[in-house]
Amino acid sequence: MEFAAALLSAVVPLTPALKSWLESVVQRNRSAARAEIIRARSAGTGESRGTRSECEAGDD
């Protein structure tokens, strides 16, 4: 029982930081998914802008 109390007393102060970190990870994943959808839509309609290497390759 004392071990559980000690564990809880160590974990409770970390909870807000862990929650904030988890929300940050979730937001990054959502943003990456939205960007992937936008890239897929633009590639499907032929409106791709190309990459920097493709643009520089034509400068030779």
N, C-alpha and C. Protein backbone atom coordinates (compact mmCIF):
# COMPACT_ATOMS: atom_id res chain seq x y z
N MET A 1 0.82 -1.19 0.00
CA MET A 1 0.00 0.00 0.00
C MET A 1 0.87 1.26 0.00
N GLU A 2 1.96 1.21 0.75
CA GLU A 2 2.86 2.36 0.79
C GLU A 2 3.52 2.59 -0.58
N PHE A 3 3.79 1.50 -1.28
CA PHE A 3 4.38 1.61 -2.62
C PHE A 3 3.44 2.32 -3.57
N ALA A 4 2.17 1.98 -3.51
CA ALA A 4 1.17 2.62 -4.38
C ALA A 4 1.08 4.11 -4.07
N ALA A 5 1.11 4.47 -2.82
CA ALA A 5 1.05 5.88 -2.43
C ALA A 5 2.29 6.63 -2.92
N ALA A 6 3.44 6.00 -2.81
CA ALA A 6 4.68 6.63 -3.27
C ALA A 6 4.66 6.78 -4.79
N LEU A 7 4.17 5.78 -5.47
CA LEU A 7 4.07 5.83 -6.93
C LEU A 7 3.12 6.94 -7.38
N LEU A 8 1.97 7.02 -6.73
CA LEU A 8 1.00 8.07 -7.07
C LEU A 8 1.56 9.46 -6.78
N SER A 9 2.27 9.60 -5.70
CA SER A 9 2.83 10.91 -5.36
C SER A 9 3.90 11.33 -6.36
N ALA A 10 4.52 10.38 -7.04
CA ALA A 10 5.52 10.71 -8.06
C ALA A 10 4.87 10.96 -9.41
N VAL A 11 3.78 10.28 -9.71
CA VAL A 11 3.13 10.37 -11.03
C VAL A 11 2.22 11.58 -11.14
N VAL A 12 1.52 11.93 -10.10
CA VAL A 12 0.53 13.01 -10.15
C VAL A 12 1.14 14.34 -10.60
N PRO A 13 2.29 14.76 -10.11
CA PRO A 13 2.86 16.03 -10.59
C PRO A 13 3.26 16.01 -12.07
N LEU A 14 3.54 14.84 -12.60
CA LEU A 14 3.94 14.73 -14.01
C LEU A 14 2.76 14.69 -14.97
N THR A 15 1.57 14.50 -14.48
CA THR A 15 0.40 14.33 -15.33
C THR A 15 0.16 15.51 -16.28
N PRO A 16 0.20 16.76 -15.84
CA PRO A 16 -0.02 17.87 -16.78
C PRO A 16 1.03 17.92 -17.89
N ALA A 17 2.27 17.65 -17.56
CA ALA A 17 3.33 17.66 -18.57
C ALA A 17 3.12 16.55 -19.59
N LEU A 18 2.75 15.37 -19.12
CA LEU A 18 2.51 14.26 -20.03
C LEU A 18 1.30 14.53 -20.92
N LYS A 19 0.28 15.14 -20.36
CA LYS A 19 -0.91 15.47 -21.13
C LYS A 19 -0.57 16.49 -22.22
N SER A 20 0.21 17.49 -21.87
CA SER A 20 0.63 18.50 -22.84
C SER A 20 1.46 17.88 -23.95
N TRP A 21 2.39 17.00 -23.59
CA TRP A 21 3.23 16.34 -24.58
C TRP A 21 2.39 15.47 -25.51
N LEU A 22 1.44 14.74 -24.96
CA LEU A 22 0.58 13.88 -25.75
C LEU A 22 -0.27 14.70 -26.72
N GLU A 23 -0.81 15.82 -26.26
CA GLU A 23 -1.59 16.69 -27.14
C GLU A 23 -0.73 17.24 -28.27
N SER A 24 0.52 17.53 -27.99
CA SER A 24 1.44 18.01 -29.01
C SER A 24 1.69 16.94 -30.07
N VAL A 25 1.89 15.72 -29.64
CA VAL A 25 2.11 14.61 -30.58
C VAL A 25 0.87 14.39 -31.44
N VAL A 26 -0.30 14.44 -30.83
CA VAL A 26 -1.55 14.26 -31.57
C VAL A 26 -1.71 15.36 -32.61
N GLN A 27 -1.43 16.60 -32.24
CA GLN A 27 -1.56 17.72 -33.17
C GLN A 27 -0.60 17.57 -34.35
N ARG A 28 0.63 17.14 -34.08
CA ARG A 28 1.59 16.93 -35.17
C ARG A 28 1.13 15.83 -36.12
N ASN A 29 0.57 14.76 -35.57
CA ASN A 29 0.08 13.67 -36.41
C ASN A 29 -1.11 14.13 -37.26
N ARG A 30 -2.00 14.91 -36.68
CA ARG A 30 -3.14 15.43 -37.44
C ARG A 30 -2.67 16.36 -38.56
N SER A 31 -1.71 17.22 -38.26
CA SER A 31 -1.19 18.13 -39.28
C SER A 31 -0.51 17.36 -40.40
N ALA A 32 0.23 16.34 -40.06
CA ALA A 32 0.90 15.52 -41.08
C ALA A 32 -0.13 14.80 -41.95
N ALA A 33 -1.19 14.32 -41.34
CA ALA A 33 -2.24 13.64 -42.11
C ALA A 33 -2.94 14.62 -43.04
N ARG A 34 -3.23 15.82 -42.56
CA ARG A 34 -3.87 16.83 -43.42
C ARG A 34 -2.96 17.19 -44.59
N ALA A 35 -1.67 17.35 -44.34
CA ALA A 35 -0.73 17.67 -45.40
C ALA A 35 -0.67 16.54 -46.43
N GLU A 36 -0.70 15.32 -45.96
CA GLU A 36 -0.69 14.17 -46.88
C GLU A 36 -1.93 14.15 -47.76
N ILE A 37 -3.07 14.47 -47.18
CA ILE A 37 -4.31 14.52 -47.96
C ILE A 37 -4.23 15.62 -49.01
N ILE A 38 -3.72 16.78 -48.62
CA ILE A 38 -3.60 17.89 -49.57
C ILE A 38 -2.65 17.51 -50.70
N ARG A 39 -1.51 16.88 -50.37
CA ARG A 39 -0.57 16.45 -51.42
C ARG A 39 -1.20 15.43 -52.34
N ALA A 40 -1.96 14.50 -51.78
CA ALA A 40 -2.60 13.47 -52.61
C ALA A 40 -3.64 14.09 -53.53
N ARG A 41 -4.41 15.03 -53.03
CA ARG A 41 -5.42 15.69 -53.87
C ARG A 41 -4.76 16.47 -54.99
N SER A 42 -3.71 17.21 -54.68
CA SER A 42 -3.06 18.01 -55.72
C SER A 42 -2.34 17.12 -56.73
N ALA A 43 -1.80 16.00 -56.30
CA ALA A 43 -1.14 15.07 -57.22
C ALA A 43 -2.18 14.39 -58.12
N GLY A 44 -3.35 14.16 -57.59
CA GLY A 44 -4.40 13.51 -58.36
C GLY A 44 -4.98 14.41 -59.43
N THR A 45 -4.93 15.73 -59.23
CA THR A 45 -5.48 16.66 -60.21
C THR A 45 -4.41 17.20 -61.14
N GLY A 46 -3.17 16.77 -60.97
CA GLY A 46 -2.10 17.23 -61.83
C GLY A 46 -1.60 18.62 -61.49
N GLU A 47 -1.84 19.09 -60.30
CA GLU A 47 -1.41 20.42 -59.91
C GLU A 47 -0.16 20.38 -59.04
N SER A 48 0.65 19.38 -59.21
CA SER A 48 1.84 19.27 -58.37
C SER A 48 2.83 20.37 -58.71
N ARG A 49 3.43 20.94 -57.70
CA ARG A 49 4.37 22.05 -57.88
C ARG A 49 5.78 21.56 -58.13
N GLY A 50 6.07 20.33 -57.80
CA GLY A 50 7.42 19.81 -57.94
C GLY A 50 8.26 20.11 -56.72
N THR A 51 9.40 19.46 -56.65
CA THR A 51 10.29 19.67 -55.52
C THR A 51 11.42 20.60 -55.93
N ARG A 52 12.18 21.02 -54.98
CA ARG A 52 13.29 21.91 -55.26
C ARG A 52 14.29 21.26 -56.21
N SER A 53 14.56 19.96 -56.03
CA SER A 53 15.52 19.28 -56.89
C SER A 53 15.00 19.21 -58.33
N GLU A 54 13.70 19.06 -58.52
CA GLU A 54 13.16 19.03 -59.87
C GLU A 54 13.30 20.39 -60.54
N CYS A 55 13.10 21.46 -59.78
CA CYS A 55 13.21 22.81 -60.32
C CYS A 55 14.67 23.12 -60.66
N GLU A 56 15.60 22.70 -59.81
CA GLU A 56 17.01 22.98 -60.03
C GLU A 56 17.57 22.14 -61.17
N ALA A 57 16.99 20.97 -61.42
CA ALA A 57 17.49 20.10 -62.48
C ALA A 57 17.31 20.75 -63.85
N GLY A 58 16.30 21.57 -64.02
CA GLY A 58 16.05 22.24 -65.29
C GLY A 58 16.94 23.43 -65.53
N ASP A 59 17.73 23.85 -64.53
CA ASP A 59 18.58 25.03 -64.68
C ASP A 59 19.89 24.75 -65.40
N ASP A 60 20.22 23.49 -65.65
CA ASP A 60 21.50 23.15 -66.28
C ASP A 60 21.59 23.60 -67.70
